[in-house]
All heavy atoms as atom14 arrays in JSON, in Angstrom:
{
  "sequence": "KTKTSMKFLLVPVFLSPLVNNLVCRPMEAELLLGLLKCDFG",
  "atom14_mask": [
    [1, 1, 1, 1, 1, 1, 1, 1, 1, 0, 0, 0, 0, 0],
    [1, 1, 1, 1, 1, 1, 1, 0, 0, 0, 0, 0, 0, 0],
    [1, 1, 1, 1, 1, 1, 1, 1, 1, 0, 0, 0, 0, 0],
    [1, 1, 1, 1, 1, 1, 1, 0, 0, 0, 0, 0, 0, 0],
    [1, 1, 1, 1, 1, 1, 0, 0, 0, 0, 0, 0, 0, 0],
    [1, 1, 1, 1, 1, 1, 1, 1, 0, 0, 0, 0, 0, 0],
    [1, 1, 1, 1, 1, 1, 1, 1, 1, 0, 0, 0, 0, 0],
    [1, 1, 1, 1, 1, 1, 1, 1, 1, 1, 1, 0, 0, 0],
    [1, 1, 1, 1, 1, 1, 1, 1, 0, 0, 0, 0, 0, 0],
    [1, 1, 1, 1, 1, 1, 1, 1, 0, 0, 0, 0, 0, 0],
    [1, 1, 1, 1, 1, 1, 1, 0, 0, 0, 0, 0, 0, 0],
    [1, 1, 1, 1, 1, 1, 1, 0, 0, 0, 0, 0, 0, 0],
    [1, 1, 1, 1, 1, 1, 1, 0, 0, 0, 0, 0, 0, 0],
    [1, 1, 1, 1, 1, 1, 1, 1, 1, 1, 1, 0, 0, 0],
    [1, 1, 1, 1, 1, 1, 1, 1, 0, 0, 0, 0, 0, 0],
    [1, 1, 1, 1, 1, 1, 0, 0, 0, 0, 0, 0, 0, 0],
    [1, 1, 1, 1, 1, 1, 1, 0, 0, 0, 0, 0, 0, 0],
    [1, 1, 1, 1, 1, 1, 1, 1, 0, 0, 0, 0, 0, 0],
    [1, 1, 1, 1, 1, 1, 1, 0, 0, 0, 0, 0, 0, 0],
    [1, 1, 1, 1, 1, 1, 1, 1, 0, 0, 0, 0, 0, 0],
    [1, 1, 1, 1, 1, 1, 1, 1, 0, 0, 0, 0, 0, 0],
    [1, 1, 1, 1, 1, 1, 1, 1, 0, 0, 0, 0, 0, 0],
    [1, 1, 1, 1, 1, 1, 1, 0, 0, 0, 0, 0, 0, 0],
    [1, 1, 1, 1, 1, 1, 0, 0, 0, 0, 0, 0, 0, 0],
    [1, 1, 1, 1, 1, 1, 1, 1, 1, 1, 1, 0, 0, 0],
    [1, 1, 1, 1, 1, 1, 1, 0, 0, 0, 0, 0, 0, 0],
    [1, 1, 1, 1, 1, 1, 1, 1, 0, 0, 0, 0, 0, 0],
    [1, 1, 1, 1, 1, 1, 1, 1, 1, 0, 0, 0, 0, 0],
    [1, 1, 1, 1, 1, 0, 0, 0, 0, 0, 0, 0, 0, 0],
    [1, 1, 1, 1, 1, 1, 1, 1, 1, 0, 0, 0, 0, 0],
    [1, 1, 1, 1, 1, 1, 1, 1, 0, 0, 0, 0, 0, 0],
    [1, 1, 1, 1, 1, 1, 1, 1, 0, 0, 0, 0, 0, 0],
    [1, 1, 1, 1, 1, 1, 1, 1, 0, 0, 0, 0, 0, 0],
    [1, 1, 1, 1, 0, 0, 0, 0, 0, 0, 0, 0, 0, 0],
    [1, 1, 1, 1, 1, 1, 1, 1, 0, 0, 0, 0, 0, 0],
    [1, 1, 1, 1, 1, 1, 1, 1, 0, 0, 0, 0, 0, 0],
    [1, 1, 1, 1, 1, 1, 1, 1, 1, 0, 0, 0, 0, 0],
    [1, 1, 1, 1, 1, 1, 0, 0, 0, 0, 0, 0, 0, 0],
    [1, 1, 1, 1, 1, 1, 1, 1, 0, 0, 0, 0, 0, 0],
    [1, 1, 1, 1, 1, 1, 1, 1, 1, 1, 1, 0, 0, 0],
    [1, 1, 1, 1, 0, 0, 0, 0, 0, 0, 0, 0, 0, 0]
  ],
  "atom14_positions": [
    [[64.65, 35.26, -83.34], [63.9, 35.49, -82.12], [63.02, 36.76, -82.16], [62.11, 36.86, -81.37], [64.87, 35.43, -80.87], [65.61, 34.17, -80.61], [66.49, 34.25, -79.47], [67.16, 32.98, -79.22], [68.14, 33.04, -78.1], [0.0, 0.0, 0.0], [0.0, 0.0, 0.0], [0.0, 0.0, 0.0], [0.0, 0.0, 0.0], [0.0, 0.0, 0.0]],
    [[63.54, 37.69, -83.03], [62.83, 39.0, -83.09], [61.62, 38.85, -84.07], [61.82, 38.33, -85.2], [63.73, 40.1, -83.61], [64.87, 40.11, -82.71], [63.09, 41.39, -83.55], [0.0, 0.0, 0.0], [0.0, 0.0, 0.0], [0.0, 0.0, 0.0], [0.0, 0.0, 0.0], [0.0, 0.0, 0.0], [0.0, 0.0, 0.0], [0.0, 0.0, 0.0]],
    [[60.48, 39.28, -83.64], [59.28, 39.28, -84.44], [59.39, 40.24, -85.62], [60.06, 41.23, -85.53], [58.05, 39.53, -83.63], [57.71, 38.49, -82.55], [56.43, 38.82, -81.83], [56.2, 37.77, -80.8], [54.86, 38.08, -80.08], [0.0, 0.0, 0.0], [0.0, 0.0, 0.0], [0.0, 0.0, 0.0], [0.0, 0.0, 0.0], [0.0, 0.0, 0.0]],
    [[58.75, 39.88, -86.74], [58.79, 40.72, -87.96], [58.22, 42.18, -87.62], [58.77, 43.12, -88.15], [57.99, 40.07, -88.98], [58.47, 38.72, -89.31], [58.17, 40.88, -90.35], [0.0, 0.0, 0.0], [0.0, 0.0, 0.0], [0.0, 0.0, 0.0], [0.0, 0.0, 0.0], [0.0, 0.0, 0.0], [0.0, 0.0, 0.0], [0.0, 0.0, 0.0]],
    [[57.24, 42.23, -86.87], [56.62, 43.53, -86.57], [57.61, 44.38, -85.75], [57.69, 45.6, -86.04], [55.29, 43.39, -85.67], [55.61, 42.62, -84.48], [0.0, 0.0, 0.0], [0.0, 0.0, 0.0], [0.0, 0.0, 0.0], [0.0, 0.0, 0.0], [0.0, 0.0, 0.0], [0.0, 0.0, 0.0], [0.0, 0.0, 0.0], [0.0, 0.0, 0.0]],
    [[58.38, 43.82, -84.85], [59.37, 44.59, -84.13], [60.48, 44.94, -85.1], [61.21, 45.97, -84.89], [59.82, 43.83, -82.89], [60.73, 44.67, -82.07], [60.03, 46.26, -81.56], [58.67, 45.75, -80.53], [0.0, 0.0, 0.0], [0.0, 0.0, 0.0], [0.0, 0.0, 0.0], [0.0, 0.0, 0.0], [0.0, 0.0, 0.0], [0.0, 0.0, 0.0]],
    [[60.86, 44.08, -86.02], [61.89, 44.39, -86.96], [61.56, 45.62, -87.84], [62.5, 46.46, -88.14], [62.14, 43.18, -87.94], [62.82, 42.03, -87.26], [63.06, 40.96, -88.24], [63.69, 39.71, -87.62], [63.91, 38.61, -88.56], [0.0, 0.0, 0.0], [0.0, 0.0, 0.0], [0.0, 0.0, 0.0], [0.0, 0.0, 0.0], [0.0, 0.0, 0.0]],
    [[60.27, 45.8, -88.05], [59.83, 47.02, -88.81], [60.16, 48.28, -88.08], [60.49, 49.34, -88.62], [58.28, 46.92, -89.05], [57.9, 45.99, -90.11], [56.57, 45.56, -90.18], [58.83, 45.56, -91.07], [56.23, 44.66, -91.22], [58.43, 44.66, -92.05], [57.18, 44.2, -92.16], [0.0, 0.0, 0.0], [0.0, 0.0, 0.0], [0.0, 0.0, 0.0]],
    [[60.18, 48.21, -86.74], [60.43, 49.34, -85.91], [61.93, 49.49, -85.67], [62.43, 50.62, -85.56], [59.71, 49.27, -84.54], [58.18, 49.44, -84.6], [57.67, 49.16, -83.2], [57.78, 50.76, -85.12], [0.0, 0.0, 0.0], [0.0, 0.0, 0.0], [0.0, 0.0, 0.0], [0.0, 0.0, 0.0], [0.0, 0.0, 0.0], [0.0, 0.0, 0.0]],
    [[62.66, 48.4, -85.54], [64.07, 48.47, -85.22], [64.91, 48.82, -86.37], [65.99, 49.5, -86.23], [64.51, 47.13, -84.61], [64.0, 46.7, -83.26], [64.51, 45.4, -82.88], [64.45, 47.77, -82.18], [0.0, 0.0, 0.0], [0.0, 0.0, 0.0], [0.0, 0.0, 0.0], [0.0, 0.0, 0.0], [0.0, 0.0, 0.0], [0.0, 0.0, 0.0]],
    [[64.49, 48.43, -87.61], [65.41, 48.73, -88.83], [65.59, 50.2, -89.01], [66.67, 50.63, -89.27], [64.77, 48.04, -90.0], [65.37, 48.56, -91.33], [65.02, 46.48, -89.94], [0.0, 0.0, 0.0], [0.0, 0.0, 0.0], [0.0, 0.0, 0.0], [0.0, 0.0, 0.0], [0.0, 0.0, 0.0], [0.0, 0.0, 0.0], [0.0, 0.0, 0.0]],
    [[64.53, 51.06, -88.91], [64.73, 52.45, -89.07], [65.66, 53.13, -88.0], [66.32, 54.16, -88.33], [63.35, 53.08, -89.08], [62.49, 52.08, -89.35], [63.08, 50.77, -88.8], [0.0, 0.0, 0.0], [0.0, 0.0, 0.0], [0.0, 0.0, 0.0], [0.0, 0.0, 0.0], [0.0, 0.0, 0.0], [0.0, 0.0, 0.0], [0.0, 0.0, 0.0]],
    [[65.79, 52.49, -86.88], [66.58, 53.04, -85.8], [68.06, 53.09, -86.24], [68.8, 53.93, -85.91], [66.4, 52.19, -84.5], [67.44, 52.63, -83.43], [64.95, 52.34, -83.96], [0.0, 0.0, 0.0], [0.0, 0.0, 0.0], [0.0, 0.0, 0.0], [0.0, 0.0, 0.0], [0.0, 0.0, 0.0], [0.0, 0.0, 0.0], [0.0, 0.0, 0.0]],
    [[68.43, 51.97, -87.02], [69.93, 51.97, -87.47], [70.05, 52.23, -88.98], [71.18, 52.44, -89.43], [70.39, 50.57, -87.17], [70.38, 50.27, -85.69], [69.38, 49.5, -85.11], [71.34, 50.84, -84.79], [69.35, 49.2, -83.79], [71.27, 50.56, -83.48], [70.31, 49.72, -82.95], [0.0, 0.0, 0.0], [0.0, 0.0, 0.0], [0.0, 0.0, 0.0]],
    [[68.88, 52.21, -89.7], [69.05, 52.53, -91.17], [69.2, 54.12, -91.28], [69.97, 54.52, -92.15], [67.77, 52.1, -91.88], [67.74, 52.3, -93.4], [68.89, 51.62, -94.04], [66.48, 51.87, -93.94], [0.0, 0.0, 0.0], [0.0, 0.0, 0.0], [0.0, 0.0, 0.0], [0.0, 0.0, 0.0], [0.0, 0.0, 0.0], [0.0, 0.0, 0.0]],
    [[68.46, 54.87, -90.53], [68.67, 56.27, -90.52], [70.04, 56.79, -90.21], [70.62, 57.6, -90.86], [67.63, 57.01, -89.67], [67.69, 56.61, -88.39], [0.0, 0.0, 0.0], [0.0, 0.0, 0.0], [0.0, 0.0, 0.0], [0.0, 0.0, 0.0], [0.0, 0.0, 0.0], [0.0, 0.0, 0.0], [0.0, 0.0, 0.0], [0.0, 0.0, 0.0]],
    [[70.73, 56.23, -89.15], [72.12, 56.62, -88.95], [73.11, 56.22, -90.06], [74.07, 56.84, -90.34], [72.47, 55.94, -87.64], [71.18, 55.77, -86.94], [70.24, 55.46, -88.02], [0.0, 0.0, 0.0], [0.0, 0.0, 0.0], [0.0, 0.0, 0.0], [0.0, 0.0, 0.0], [0.0, 0.0, 0.0], [0.0, 0.0, 0.0], [0.0, 0.0, 0.0]],
    [[72.75, 55.03, -90.65], [73.61, 54.54, -91.74], [73.57, 55.48, -92.95], [74.6, 55.94, -93.49], [73.15, 53.14, -92.15], [73.86, 52.51, -93.34], [75.35, 52.37, -93.07], [73.24, 51.19, -93.79], [0.0, 0.0, 0.0], [0.0, 0.0, 0.0], [0.0, 0.0, 0.0], [0.0, 0.0, 0.0], [0.0, 0.0, 0.0], [0.0, 0.0, 0.0]],
    [[72.31, 55.88, -93.3], [72.21, 56.86, -94.47], [72.78, 58.2, -94.03], [73.44, 58.9, -94.88], [70.71, 56.94, -94.89], [70.54, 57.96, -95.9], [70.14, 55.58, -95.28], [0.0, 0.0, 0.0], [0.0, 0.0, 0.0], [0.0, 0.0, 0.0], [0.0, 0.0, 0.0], [0.0, 0.0, 0.0], [0.0, 0.0, 0.0], [0.0, 0.0, 0.0]],
    [[72.59, 58.54, -92.8], [73.11, 59.85, -92.31], [74.71, 59.89, -92.4], [75.19, 60.83, -92.84], [72.7, 60.05, -90.78], [72.86, 61.44, -90.28], [73.64, 62.24, -90.89], [72.07, 61.85, -89.36], [0.0, 0.0, 0.0], [0.0, 0.0, 0.0], [0.0, 0.0, 0.0], [0.0, 0.0, 0.0], [0.0, 0.0, 0.0], [0.0, 0.0, 0.0]],
    [[75.22, 58.76, -92.08], [76.74, 58.66, -92.18], [77.16, 58.75, -93.62], [78.11, 59.5, -93.93], [77.24, 57.42, -91.55], [77.38, 57.55, -90.05], [77.77, 58.51, -89.53], [77.01, 56.38, -89.39], [0.0, 0.0, 0.0], [0.0, 0.0, 0.0], [0.0, 0.0, 0.0], [0.0, 0.0, 0.0], [0.0, 0.0, 0.0], [0.0, 0.0, 0.0]],
    [[76.49, 58.02, -94.5], [76.97, 57.97, -95.9], [76.68, 59.17, -96.71], [77.51, 59.54, -97.57], [76.24, 56.73, -96.59], [76.59, 55.29, -95.99], [75.8, 54.26, -96.7], [78.11, 55.04, -96.13], [0.0, 0.0, 0.0], [0.0, 0.0, 0.0], [0.0, 0.0, 0.0], [0.0, 0.0, 0.0], [0.0, 0.0, 0.0], [0.0, 0.0, 0.0]],
    [[75.61, 59.96, -96.4], [75.29, 61.07, -97.1], [75.71, 62.42, -96.51], [76.37, 63.27, -97.14], [73.72, 61.22, -97.32], [73.33, 62.47, -97.97], [73.23, 59.91, -97.99], [0.0, 0.0, 0.0], [0.0, 0.0, 0.0], [0.0, 0.0, 0.0], [0.0, 0.0, 0.0], [0.0, 0.0, 0.0], [0.0, 0.0, 0.0], [0.0, 0.0, 0.0]],
    [[75.58, 62.53, -95.13], [75.8, 63.87, -94.48], [77.24, 64.01, -94.06], [77.81, 65.09, -94.03], [74.86, 64.03, -93.34], [73.13, 64.13, -93.77], [0.0, 0.0, 0.0], [0.0, 0.0, 0.0], [0.0, 0.0, 0.0], [0.0, 0.0, 0.0], [0.0, 0.0, 0.0], [0.0, 0.0, 0.0], [0.0, 0.0, 0.0], [0.0, 0.0, 0.0]],
    [[77.91, 62.89, -93.62], [79.2, 63.06, -93.08], [80.26, 63.55, -94.11], [81.1, 64.39, -93.79], [79.73, 61.68, -92.5], [79.0, 61.18, -91.33], [79.17, 61.93, -89.99], [78.41, 63.19, -90.02], [77.1, 63.29, -89.88], [76.39, 62.13, -89.78], [76.49, 64.49, -89.89], [0.0, 0.0, 0.0], [0.0, 0.0, 0.0], [0.0, 0.0, 0.0]],
    [[80.28, 63.12, -95.39], [81.14, 63.7, -96.34], [80.93, 65.14, -96.56], [81.92, 65.92, -96.69], [80.89, 62.89, -97.62], [80.37, 61.56, -97.16], [79.45, 61.96, -95.97], [0.0, 0.0, 0.0], [0.0, 0.0, 0.0], [0.0, 0.0, 0.0], [0.0, 0.0, 0.0], [0.0, 0.0, 0.0], [0.0, 0.0, 0.0], [0.0, 0.0, 0.0]],
    [[79.65, 65.58, -96.59], [79.38, 67.02, -96.8], [79.77, 67.83, -95.57], [80.27, 68.99, -95.68], [77.89, 67.22, -97.11], [77.53, 66.75, -98.47], [75.85, 67.23, -99.01], [74.82, 66.16, -97.93], [0.0, 0.0, 0.0], [0.0, 0.0, 0.0], [0.0, 0.0, 0.0], [0.0, 0.0, 0.0], [0.0, 0.0, 0.0], [0.0, 0.0, 0.0]],
    [[79.59, 67.25, -94.41], [80.05, 67.9, -93.15], [81.58, 68.05, -93.17], [82.09, 69.16, -92.74], [79.56, 67.11, -92.02], [79.95, 67.69, -90.68], [79.47, 66.84, -89.49], [78.43, 66.19, -89.61], [80.17, 66.85, -88.45], [0.0, 0.0, 0.0], [0.0, 0.0, 0.0], [0.0, 0.0, 0.0], [0.0, 0.0, 0.0], [0.0, 0.0, 0.0]],
    [[82.21, 67.05, -93.59], [83.77, 67.22, -93.66], [84.16, 68.31, -94.64], [85.18, 69.02, -94.33], [84.33, 65.87, -94.06], [0.0, 0.0, 0.0], [0.0, 0.0, 0.0], [0.0, 0.0, 0.0], [0.0, 0.0, 0.0], [0.0, 0.0, 0.0], [0.0, 0.0, 0.0], [0.0, 0.0, 0.0], [0.0, 0.0, 0.0], [0.0, 0.0, 0.0]],
    [[83.47, 68.38, -95.71], [83.8, 69.48, -96.66], [83.55, 70.86, -96.12], [84.34, 71.78, -96.3], [82.93, 69.31, -98.05], [83.36, 68.14, -98.83], [84.71, 68.37, -99.42], [85.05, 69.47, -99.85], [85.48, 67.36, -99.36], [0.0, 0.0, 0.0], [0.0, 0.0, 0.0], [0.0, 0.0, 0.0], [0.0, 0.0, 0.0], [0.0, 0.0, 0.0]],
    [[82.44, 71.05, -95.3], [82.24, 72.21, -94.61], [83.3, 72.58, -93.63], [83.8, 73.71, -93.57], [80.88, 72.14, -93.87], [79.58, 72.26, -94.67], [78.36, 71.96, -93.81], [79.45, 73.61, -95.35], [0.0, 0.0, 0.0], [0.0, 0.0, 0.0], [0.0, 0.0, 0.0], [0.0, 0.0, 0.0], [0.0, 0.0, 0.0], [0.0, 0.0, 0.0]],
    [[83.84, 71.56, -92.86], [84.85, 71.8, -91.94], [86.17, 72.21, -92.57], [86.88, 73.05, -92.15], [85.01, 70.55, -91.07], [83.92, 70.24, -90.1], [84.08, 68.87, -89.45], [83.75, 71.34, -88.99], [0.0, 0.0, 0.0], [0.0, 0.0, 0.0], [0.0, 0.0, 0.0], [0.0, 0.0, 0.0], [0.0, 0.0, 0.0], [0.0, 0.0, 0.0]],
    [[86.47, 71.51, -93.66], [87.72, 71.82, -94.42], [87.58, 73.18, -95.14], [88.59, 73.92, -95.15], [87.97, 70.78, -95.52], [88.24, 69.34, -94.99], [88.41, 68.32, -96.15], [89.54, 69.36, -94.18], [0.0, 0.0, 0.0], [0.0, 0.0, 0.0], [0.0, 0.0, 0.0], [0.0, 0.0, 0.0], [0.0, 0.0, 0.0], [0.0, 0.0, 0.0]],
    [[86.42, 73.6, -95.46], [86.19, 74.89, -95.98], [86.42, 75.97, -94.92], [87.08, 77.04, -95.12], [0.0, 0.0, 0.0], [0.0, 0.0, 0.0], [0.0, 0.0, 0.0], [0.0, 0.0, 0.0], [0.0, 0.0, 0.0], [0.0, 0.0, 0.0], [0.0, 0.0, 0.0], [0.0, 0.0, 0.0], [0.0, 0.0, 0.0], [0.0, 0.0, 0.0]],
    [[85.97, 75.71, -93.69], [86.26, 76.65, -92.58], [87.73, 76.68, -92.25], [88.25, 77.72, -91.9], [85.43, 76.27, -91.32], [83.9, 76.38, -91.43], [83.25, 75.83, -90.2], [83.51, 77.8, -91.65], [0.0, 0.0, 0.0], [0.0, 0.0, 0.0], [0.0, 0.0, 0.0], [0.0, 0.0, 0.0], [0.0, 0.0, 0.0], [0.0, 0.0, 0.0]],
    [[88.39, 75.58, -92.37], [89.76, 75.48, -92.03], [90.57, 76.37, -93.08], [91.63, 77.0, -92.65], [90.27, 74.04, -92.13], [91.73, 73.8, -91.76], [92.01, 74.2, -90.28], [92.03, 72.35, -91.93], [0.0, 0.0, 0.0], [0.0, 0.0, 0.0], [0.0, 0.0, 0.0], [0.0, 0.0, 0.0], [0.0, 0.0, 0.0], [0.0, 0.0, 0.0]],
    [[90.2, 76.33, -94.3], [90.87, 77.11, -95.26], [90.25, 78.42, -95.61], [90.65, 79.14, -96.6], [90.98, 76.37, -96.61], [91.83, 75.0, -96.45], [91.85, 74.25, -97.72], [92.73, 72.94, -97.59], [92.73, 72.16, -98.83], [0.0, 0.0, 0.0], [0.0, 0.0, 0.0], [0.0, 0.0, 0.0], [0.0, 0.0, 0.0], [0.0, 0.0, 0.0]],
    [[89.28, 78.83, -94.85], [88.46, 80.04, -94.99], [87.82, 80.11, -96.44], [87.7, 81.11, -97.04], [89.35, 81.32, -94.84], [89.9, 81.49, -93.07], [0.0, 0.0, 0.0], [0.0, 0.0, 0.0], [0.0, 0.0, 0.0], [0.0, 0.0, 0.0], [0.0, 0.0, 0.0], [0.0, 0.0, 0.0], [0.0, 0.0, 0.0], [0.0, 0.0, 0.0]],
    [[87.49, 79.0, -96.92], [86.89, 78.86, -98.24], [85.36, 78.49, -98.01], [84.97, 77.35, -97.99], [87.5, 77.75, -99.08], [86.94, 77.65, -100.45], [86.17, 78.55, -100.87], [87.22, 76.62, -101.14], [0.0, 0.0, 0.0], [0.0, 0.0, 0.0], [0.0, 0.0, 0.0], [0.0, 0.0, 0.0], [0.0, 0.0, 0.0], [0.0, 0.0, 0.0]],
    [[84.51, 79.58, -97.87], [83.2, 79.37, -97.48], [82.31, 78.87, -98.63], [81.19, 78.51, -98.45], [82.57, 80.65, -96.93], [83.38, 81.12, -95.68], [84.12, 82.26, -95.79], [83.27, 80.47, -94.51], [84.86, 82.73, -94.66], [83.87, 80.93, -93.38], [84.7, 82.05, -93.45], [0.0, 0.0, 0.0], [0.0, 0.0, 0.0], [0.0, 0.0, 0.0]],
    [[82.86, 78.94, -99.85], [82.19, 78.45, -100.96], [82.6, 77.02, -101.43], [82.28, 76.58, -102.53], [0.0, 0.0, 0.0], [0.0, 0.0, 0.0], [0.0, 0.0, 0.0], [0.0, 0.0, 0.0], [0.0, 0.0, 0.0], [0.0, 0.0, 0.0], [0.0, 0.0, 0.0], [0.0, 0.0, 0.0], [0.0, 0.0, 0.0], [0.0, 0.0, 0.0]]
  ]
}
């Protein structure tokens, strides 16, 4: 039911959070664990 032109706009709305989760969340967790152990490096 969704037109192809609207799919072009809707896909980035959920593709960017998907990539954000897969790439940034693991690094963010490492930062938090580093703060927890006072290991800033």
